[in-house]
Amino acid sequence: NDKINDKINDTDKIIVEAIKNDKYVTISDLSAKAKKSLPTIHRHLDNLSKQGLIGRMGSRKAGYWYVK
């Protein structure tokens, strides 16, 4: 888990923790928790996905996030 923390910033940590707590968390919820704009949250989610730290299962509407 420490390896993850070395690679990501505070916003990423907030996102990862939120996903751990609620895999159905919405982008709007993440935006509110992290106090960042929706495009910023999308960018962080993309980066976390590319780094292989999080993933998405299912559709945009019915799917959920998970921490790898």
PDB file of N, CA and C in Angstrom:
ATOM      1  N   ASN A   1       0.827  -1.205   0.000  1.00  0.00           N
ATOM      2  CA  ASN A   1       0.000   0.000   0.000  1.00  0.00           C
ATOM      3  C   ASN A   1       0.865   1.261   0.000  1.00  0.00           C
ATOM      4  N   ASP A   2       2.032   1.201   0.619  1.00  0.00           N
ATOM      5  CA  ASP A   2       2.923   2.364   0.618  1.00  0.00           C
ATOM      6  C   ASP A   2       3.401   2.693  -0.784  1.00  0.00           C
ATOM      7  N   LYS A   3       3.566   1.650  -1.608  1.00  0.00           N
ATOM      8  CA  LYS A   3       3.998   1.885  -2.991  1.00  0.00           C
ATOM      9  C   LYS A   3       2.990   2.758  -3.727  1.00  0.00           C
ATOM     10  N   ILE A   4       1.708   2.498  -3.485  1.00  0.00           N
ATOM     11  CA  ILE A   4       0.657   3.306  -4.114  1.00  0.00           C
ATOM     12  C   ILE A   4       0.815   4.761  -3.682  1.00  0.00           C
ATOM     13  N   ASN A   5       1.013   4.983  -2.406  1.00  0.00           N
ATOM     14  CA  ASN A   5       1.072   6.349  -1.893  1.00  0.00           C
ATOM     15  C   ASN A   5       2.251   7.136  -2.434  1.00  0.00           C
ATOM     16  N   ASP A   6       3.315   6.457  -2.841  1.00  0.00           N
ATOM     17  CA  ASP A   6       4.469   7.155  -3.408  1.00  0.00           C
ATOM     18  C   ASP A   6       4.163   7.724  -4.791  1.00  0.00           C
ATOM     19  N   LYS A   7       3.280   7.050  -5.521  1.00  0.00           N
ATOM     20  CA  LYS A   7       3.040   7.398  -6.924  1.00  0.00           C
ATOM     21  C   LYS A   7       1.944   8.435  -7.120  1.00  0.00           C
ATOM     22  N   ILE A   8       1.133   8.699  -6.096  1.00  0.00           N
ATOM     23  CA  ILE A   8      -0.043   9.538  -6.303  1.00  0.00           C
ATOM     24  C   ILE A   8      -0.056  10.735  -5.357  1.00  0.00           C
ATOM     25  N   ASN A   9      -0.798  11.763  -5.744  1.00  0.00           N
ATOM     26  CA  ASN A   9      -0.878  12.970  -4.932  1.00  0.00           C
ATOM     27  C   ASN A   9      -2.104  12.939  -4.014  1.00  0.00           C
ATOM     28  N   ASP A  10      -2.330  14.042  -3.306  1.00  0.00           N
ATOM     29  CA  ASP A  10      -3.417  14.085  -2.322  1.00  0.00           C
ATOM     30  C   ASP A  10      -4.794  13.868  -2.952  1.00  0.00           C
ATOM     31  N   THR A  11      -5.017  14.477  -4.100  1.00  0.00           N
ATOM     32  CA  THR A  11      -6.316  14.310  -4.773  1.00  0.00           C
ATOM     33  C   THR A  11      -6.525  12.842  -5.126  1.00  0.00           C
ATOM     34  N   ASP A  12      -5.477  12.194  -5.648  1.00  0.00           N
ATOM     35  CA  ASP A  12      -5.573  10.770  -5.984  1.00  0.00           C
ATOM     36  C   ASP A  12      -5.882   9.937  -4.742  1.00  0.00           C
ATOM     37  N   LYS A  13      -5.246  10.276  -3.633  1.00  0.00           N
ATOM     38  CA  LYS A  13      -5.478   9.528  -2.383  1.00  0.00           C
ATOM     39  C   LYS A  13      -6.928   9.655  -1.943  1.00  0.00           C
ATOM     40  N   ILE A  14      -7.489  10.865  -2.058  1.00  0.00           N
ATOM     41  CA  ILE A  14      -8.892  11.076  -1.700  1.00  0.00           C
ATOM     42  C   ILE A  14      -9.790  10.201  -2.580  1.00  0.00           C
ATOM     43  N   ILE A  15      -9.489  10.177  -3.874  1.00  0.00           N
ATOM     44  CA  ILE A  15     -10.282   9.385  -4.820  1.00  0.00           C
ATOM     45  C   ILE A  15     -10.184   7.900  -4.488  1.00  0.00           C
ATOM     46  N   VAL A  16      -8.969   7.407  -4.278  1.00  0.00           N
ATOM     47  CA  VAL A  16      -8.769   5.976  -3.982  1.00  0.00           C
ATOM     48  C   VAL A  16      -9.482   5.595  -2.688  1.00  0.00           C
ATOM     49  N   GLU A  17      -9.358   6.426  -1.658  1.00  0.00           N
ATOM     50  CA  GLU A  17     -10.025   6.142  -0.378  1.00  0.00           C
ATOM     51  C   GLU A  17     -11.541   6.128  -0.554  1.00  0.00           C
ATOM     52  N   ALA A  18     -12.055   7.089  -1.327  1.00  0.00           N
ATOM     53  CA  ALA A  18     -13.505   7.151  -1.556  1.00  0.00           C
ATOM     54  C   ALA A  18     -13.992   5.900  -2.271  1.00  0.00           C
ATOM     55  N   ILE A  19     -13.204   5.429  -3.243  1.00  0.00           N
ATOM     56  CA  ILE A  19     -13.581   4.214  -3.981  1.00  0.00           C
ATOM     57  C   ILE A  19     -13.524   2.996  -3.057  1.00  0.00           C
ATOM     58  N   LYS A  20     -12.517   2.951  -2.184  1.00  0.00           N
ATOM     59  CA  LYS A  20     -12.435   1.838  -1.225  1.00  0.00           C
ATOM     60  C   LYS A  20     -13.670   1.820  -0.326  1.00  0.00           C
ATOM     61  N   ASN A  21     -14.130   3.002   0.078  1.00  0.00           N
ATOM     62  CA  ASN A  21     -15.276   3.105   0.992  1.00  0.00           C
ATOM     63  C   ASN A  21     -16.604   2.852   0.292  1.00  0.00           C
ATOM     64  N   ASP A  22     -16.700   3.219  -0.987  1.00  0.00           N
ATOM     65  CA  ASP A  22     -17.961   3.065  -1.727  1.00  0.00           C
ATOM     66  C   ASP A  22     -17.655   2.892  -3.204  1.00  0.00           C
ATOM     67  N   LYS A  23     -17.734   1.642  -3.673  1.00  0.00           N
ATOM     68  CA  LYS A  23     -17.357   1.394  -5.066  1.00  0.00           C
ATOM     69  C   LYS A  23     -18.324   2.035  -6.052  1.00  0.00           C
ATOM     70  N   TYR A  24     -19.507   2.422  -5.585  1.00  0.00           N
ATOM     71  CA  TYR A  24     -20.477   3.079  -6.465  1.00  0.00           C
ATOM     72  C   TYR A  24     -20.411   4.603  -6.373  1.00  0.00           C
ATOM     73  N   VAL A  25     -19.347   5.121  -5.781  1.00  0.00           N
ATOM     74  CA  VAL A  25     -19.195   6.572  -5.640  1.00  0.00           C
ATOM     75  C   VAL A  25     -19.281   7.235  -7.017  1.00  0.00           C
ATOM     76  N   THR A  26     -19.934   8.395  -7.077  1.00  0.00           N
ATOM     77  CA  THR A  26     -20.090   9.080  -8.363  1.00  0.00           C
ATOM     78  C   THR A  26     -18.974  10.106  -8.556  1.00  0.00           C
ATOM     79  N   ILE A  27     -18.808  10.517  -9.793  1.00  0.00           N
ATOM     80  CA  ILE A  27     -17.813  11.553 -10.100  1.00  0.00           C
ATOM     81  C   ILE A  27     -18.175  12.839  -9.349  1.00  0.00           C
ATOM     82  N   SER A  28     -19.479  13.123  -9.261  1.00  0.00           N
ATOM     83  CA  SER A  28     -19.921  14.314  -8.519  1.00  0.00           C
ATOM     84  C   SER A  28     -19.534  14.216  -7.048  1.00  0.00           C
ATOM     85  N   ASP A  29     -19.712  13.027  -6.469  1.00  0.00           N
ATOM     86  CA  ASP A  29     -19.312  12.817  -5.067  1.00  0.00           C
ATOM     87  C   ASP A  29     -17.809  13.020  -4.902  1.00  0.00           C
ATOM     88  N   LEU A  30     -17.040  12.452  -5.830  1.00  0.00           N
ATOM     89  CA  LEU A  30     -15.583  12.595  -5.761  1.00  0.00           C
ATOM     90  C   LEU A  30     -15.187  14.058  -5.875  1.00  0.00           C
ATOM     91  N   SER A  31     -15.874  14.768  -6.762  1.00  0.00           N
ATOM     92  CA  SER A  31     -15.608  16.189  -6.960  1.00  0.00           C
ATOM     93  C   SER A  31     -15.831  16.956  -5.659  1.00  0.00           C
ATOM     94  N   ALA A  32     -16.922  16.646  -4.974  1.00  0.00           N
ATOM     95  CA  ALA A  32     -17.237  17.321  -3.715  1.00  0.00           C
ATOM     96  C   ALA A  32     -16.231  16.959  -2.626  1.00  0.00           C
ATOM     97  N   LYS A  33     -15.909  15.664  -2.524  1.00  0.00           N
ATOM     98  CA  LYS A  33     -14.963  15.209  -1.488  1.00  0.00           C
ATOM     99  C   LYS A  33     -13.578  15.835  -1.671  1.00  0.00           C
ATOM    100  N   ALA A  34     -13.130  15.878  -2.925  1.00  0.00           N
ATOM    101  CA  ALA A  34     -11.776  16.363  -3.215  1.00  0.00           C
ATOM    102  C   ALA A  34     -11.742  17.888  -3.402  1.00  0.00           C
ATOM    103  N   LYS A  35     -12.937  18.496  -3.458  1.00  0.00           N
ATOM    104  CA  LYS A  35     -13.035  19.945  -3.713  1.00  0.00           C
ATOM    105  C   LYS A  35     -12.338  20.319  -5.022  1.00  0.00           C
ATOM    106  N   LYS A  36     -12.585  19.513  -6.043  1.00  0.00           N
ATOM    107  CA  LYS A  36     -12.014  19.727  -7.376  1.00  0.00           C
ATOM    108  C   LYS A  36     -13.137  19.705  -8.405  1.00  0.00           C
ATOM    109  N   SER A  37     -12.865  20.257  -9.589  1.00  0.00           N
ATOM    110  CA  SER A  37     -13.866  20.293 -10.659  1.00  0.00           C
ATOM    111  C   SER A  37     -14.056  18.904 -11.265  1.00  0.00           C
ATOM    112  N   LEU A  38     -15.173  18.734 -11.953  1.00  0.00           N
ATOM    113  CA  LEU A  38     -15.442  17.448 -12.615  1.00  0.00           C
ATOM    114  C   LEU A  38     -14.358  17.079 -13.622  1.00  0.00           C
ATOM    115  N   PRO A  39     -13.913  18.016 -14.486  1.00  0.00           N
ATOM    116  CA  PRO A  39     -12.840  17.641 -15.423  1.00  0.00           C
ATOM    117  C   PRO A  39     -11.559  17.204 -14.702  1.00  0.00           C
ATOM    118  N   THR A  40     -11.258  17.831 -13.589  1.00  0.00           N
ATOM    119  CA  THR A  40     -10.072  17.448 -12.812  1.00  0.00           C
ATOM    120  C   THR A  40     -10.227  16.020 -12.294  1.00  0.00           C
ATOM    121  N   ILE A  41     -11.405  15.693 -11.777  1.00  0.00           N
ATOM    122  CA  ILE A  41     -11.661  14.335 -11.275  1.00  0.00           C
ATOM    123  C   ILE A  41     -11.530  13.321 -12.408  1.00  0.00           C
ATOM    124  N   HIS A  42     -12.097  13.648 -13.571  1.00  0.00           N
ATOM    125  CA  HIS A  42     -11.974  12.747 -14.730  1.00  0.00           C
ATOM    126  C   HIS A  42     -10.506  12.503 -15.076  1.00  0.00           C
ATOM    127  N   ARG A  43      -9.708  13.557 -15.061  1.00  0.00           N
ATOM    128  CA  ARG A  43      -8.283  13.439 -15.396  1.00  0.00           C
ATOM    129  C   ARG A  43      -7.570  12.539 -14.378  1.00  0.00           C
ATOM    130  N   HIS A  44      -7.861  12.746 -13.099  1.00  0.00           N
ATOM    131  CA  HIS A  44      -7.230  11.908 -12.068  1.00  0.00           C
ATOM    132  C   HIS A  44      -7.659  10.446 -12.201  1.00  0.00           C
ATOM    133  N   LEU A  45      -8.944  10.214 -12.492  1.00  0.00           N
ATOM    134  CA  LEU A  45      -9.417   8.842 -12.676  1.00  0.00           C
ATOM    135  C   LEU A  45      -8.713   8.185 -13.865  1.00  0.00           C
ATOM    136  N   ASP A  46      -8.562   8.945 -14.953  1.00  0.00           N
ATOM    137  CA  ASP A  46      -7.846   8.419 -16.125  1.00  0.00           C
ATOM    138  C   ASP A  46      -6.417   8.036 -15.764  1.00  0.00           C
ATOM    139  N   ASN A  47      -5.739   8.936 -15.040  1.00  0.00           N
ATOM    140  CA  ASN A  47      -4.346   8.676 -14.655  1.00  0.00           C
ATOM    141  C   ASN A  47      -4.240   7.473 -13.738  1.00  0.00           C
ATOM    142  N   LEU A  48      -5.130   7.379 -12.764  1.00  0.00           N
ATOM    143  CA  LEU A  48      -5.115   6.240 -11.842  1.00  0.00           C
ATOM    144  C   LEU A  48      -5.383   4.938 -12.594  1.00  0.00           C
ATOM    145  N   SER A  49      -6.276   4.987 -13.573  1.00  0.00           N
ATOM    146  CA  SER A  49      -6.565   3.795 -14.388  1.00  0.00           C
ATOM    147  C   SER A  49      -5.338   3.393 -15.194  1.00  0.00           C
ATOM    148  N   LYS A  50      -4.690   4.386 -15.837  1.00  0.00           N
ATOM    149  CA  LYS A  50      -3.503   4.103 -16.647  1.00  0.00           C
ATOM    150  C   LYS A  50      -2.378   3.526 -15.810  1.00  0.00           C
ATOM    151  N   GLN A  51      -2.272   3.973 -14.554  1.00  0.00           N
ATOM    152  CA  GLN A  51      -1.238   3.448 -13.654  1.00  0.00           C
ATOM    153  C   GLN A  51      -1.611   2.073 -13.109  1.00  0.00           C
ATOM    154  N   GLY A  52      -2.838   1.635 -13.406  1.00  0.00           N
ATOM    155  CA  GLY A  52      -3.271   0.317 -12.954  1.00  0.00           C
ATOM    156  C   GLY A  52      -3.662   0.270 -11.493  1.00  0.00           C
ATOM    157  N   LEU A  53      -3.986   1.425 -10.908  1.00  0.00           N
ATOM    158  CA  LEU A  53      -4.329   1.462  -9.485  1.00  0.00           C
ATOM    159  C   LEU A  53      -5.819   1.274  -9.245  1.00  0.00           C
ATOM    160  N   ILE A  54      -6.638   1.712 -10.210  1.00  0.00           N
ATOM    161  CA  ILE A  54      -8.078   1.522 -10.097  1.00  0.00           C
ATOM    162  C   ILE A  54      -8.605   0.977 -11.412  1.00  0.00           C
ATOM    163  N   GLY A  55      -9.816   0.464 -11.376  1.00  0.00           N
ATOM    164  CA  GLY A  55     -10.449  -0.040 -12.576  1.00  0.00           C
ATOM    165  C   GLY A  55     -11.938   0.216 -12.523  1.00  0.00           C
ATOM    166  N   ARG A  56     -12.580  -0.035 -13.644  1.00  0.00           N
ATOM    167  CA  ARG A  56     -14.016   0.188 -13.768  1.00  0.00           C
ATOM    168  C   ARG A  56     -14.653  -1.089 -14.263  1.00  0.00           C
ATOM    169  N   MET A  57     -15.714  -1.513 -13.595  1.00  0.00           N
ATOM    170  CA  MET A  57     -16.469  -2.684 -14.024  1.00  0.00           C
ATOM    171  C   MET A  57     -17.854  -2.240 -14.452  1.00  0.00           C
ATOM    172  N   GLY A  58     -18.299  -2.741 -15.580  1.00  0.00           N
ATOM    173  CA  GLY A  58     -19.660  -2.455 -16.010  1.00  0.00           C
ATOM    174  C   GLY A  58     -19.792  -1.122 -16.723  1.00  0.00           C
ATOM    175  N   SER A  59     -21.030  -0.726 -16.921  1.00  0.00           N
ATOM    176  CA  SER A  59     -21.337   0.467 -17.706  1.00  0.00           C
ATOM    177  C   SER A  59     -21.151   1.733 -16.878  1.00  0.00           C
ATOM    178  N   ARG A  60     -21.220   2.864 -17.562  1.00  0.00           N
ATOM    179  CA  ARG A  60     -21.102   4.151 -16.868  1.00  0.00           C
ATOM    180  C   ARG A  60     -22.220   4.328 -15.852  1.00  0.00           C
ATOM    181  N   LYS A  61     -23.423   3.839 -16.205  1.00  0.00           N
ATOM    182  CA  LYS A  61     -24.564   4.057 -15.327  1.00  0.00           C
ATOM    183  C   LYS A  61     -24.648   3.010 -14.214  1.00  0.00           C
ATOM    184  N   ALA A  62     -24.453   1.756 -14.574  1.00  0.00           N
ATOM    185  CA  ALA A  62     -24.664   0.686 -13.609  1.00  0.00           C
ATOM    186  C   ALA A  62     -23.360   0.109 -13.068  1.00  0.00           C
ATOM    187  N   GLY A  63     -22.225   0.587 -13.579  1.00  0.00           N
ATOM    188  CA  GLY A  63     -20.951   0.015 -13.182  1.00  0.00           C
ATOM    189  C   GLY A  63     -20.443   0.552 -11.862  1.00  0.00           C
ATOM    190  N   TYR A  64     -19.254   0.100 -11.488  1.00  0.00           N
ATOM    191  CA  TYR A  64     -18.636   0.561 -10.252  1.00  0.00           C
ATOM    192  C   TYR A  64     -17.118   0.574 -10.397  1.00  0.00           C
ATOM    193  N   TRP A  65     -16.481   1.308  -9.512  1.00  0.00           N
ATOM    194  CA  TRP A  65     -15.017   1.408  -9.468  1.00  0.00           C
ATOM    195  C   TRP A  65     -14.460   0.357  -8.522  1.00  0.00           C
ATOM    196  N   TYR A  66     -13.223  -0.008  -8.735  1.00  0.00           N
ATOM    197  CA  TYR A  66     -12.546  -0.870  -7.754  1.00  0.00           C
ATOM    198  C   TYR A  66     -11.065  -0.484  -7.699  1.00  0.00           C
ATOM    199  N   VAL A  67     -10.470  -0.744  -6.536  1.00  0.00           N
ATOM    200  CA  VAL A  67      -9.037  -0.490  -6.343  1.00  0.00           C
ATOM    201  C   VAL A  67      -8.325  -1.801  -6.570  1.00  0.00           C
ATOM    202  N   LYS A  68      -7.325  -1.798  -7.444  1.00  0.00           N
ATOM    203  CA  LYS A  68      -6.599  -3.032  -7.784  1.00  0.00           C
ATOM    204  C   LYS A  68      -5.601  -3.382  -6.698  1.00  0.00           C
TER     205      LYS A  68
END
